[in-house]
Amino acid sequence: MIFNRKFTEKAFAKINLYLDVTSKRSDGFHDIKSIMQSVSLFDDITVSLSESCEDIITCNIEGIPTDERNLAIKAADAFRSAVGLTFGVNIHIEKRIPASAGLAGGSTDAAAVLRLLKKLTESDIPTDEMLKIAASIGADVPFCYIGGTMLCEGKGELLRGIPACPKMHLVVAIKGEGVSTPWAYGELDARYGDFAEERDKGSFHALYCALEDNDKKRIIKNLYNIFESVTEPERPEIGKLKEIMTAHGAKSTLMSGSGPSVFGIFEDEEPAHTAEKSLIEYGAKAHYCTI
């Protein structure tokens, strides 16, 4: 193991180009079908090992848990259990990704901790085993460990590589408090009768084919997120964010995850930056980024 050295990695946010709930499981969880996509917005995660058993986590902003509630610590615990090693971790999170926003901010931090711990402990654990560790922490952590463009099923932990999304200019924005994912699933259960009813499932096949053809216009046309049906009516800020993005030339807008973050896709960088500025003036947290 490597003690007394700090390693740093970028932990990239994700958006959902497509997100549907396919069923409610007997254990109370839900099966999903999602195309997840990494974007260039990131947190910096710095990790070092100590010979003590103490874990220390710090963050540059207030309001982020710095104890066992943080998925970064859960990642360290899961890794230590898997490899049978004893050590303490010092973790610093330089956070840019908004929390509780549907952007996998906590999950991607945890995934970065796993990658760094594998490096610091000089472990030769195969990727498949690392993904099992990641899945024990949270449903989005396996995707965040790999990144890129992926079809994610099951609770989100079953990954399949698909054609990569072409480069696009985005603005990601959030205004107001985060959304409780359990609340959002509960609202979907009530709205769709525990997913026993027929309903609009978006255009997954059309989106997949558009990715295969590297066709930006068809990709943009076929974005879908079932959570918009329950979260957007409860959060008028979502509609306002979309309105501002569209007014500045966004070709499409969509909520990510269970919300309340919204991303807009722009044809060029300049209008995206103009939209970012306007959203910040409105009081939103907004970030220009790319796929």
Foldseek 3Di string as FASTA:
>chain_A
DAAPDKDKDWQFWKFWLAKDWQFQDPVRATKMKTKIATWPDTKMKIKGKAADQEEFEEEPDPDADTDPVQLLVVLVVLVCVVVVDGIYMYMYIHDDDDPLFQGCRRLSNNLRSLVVVCVNVVPPDDLVVSLVSSVVSDLCNSCSNVHFIWTAIDSRSDTDDAQGADKFKKKKKDDDDHDDQVVLVVQVCVVCVRNPDDDDRFDVVQLRVCSVVNPVLSSQVGGYDPLCVPVCVVDVVQVVLQVLLVVLAFPHKDGGGNRDMMMTTHPDHVSNVVSQVVRVVVVMSMDIIMD
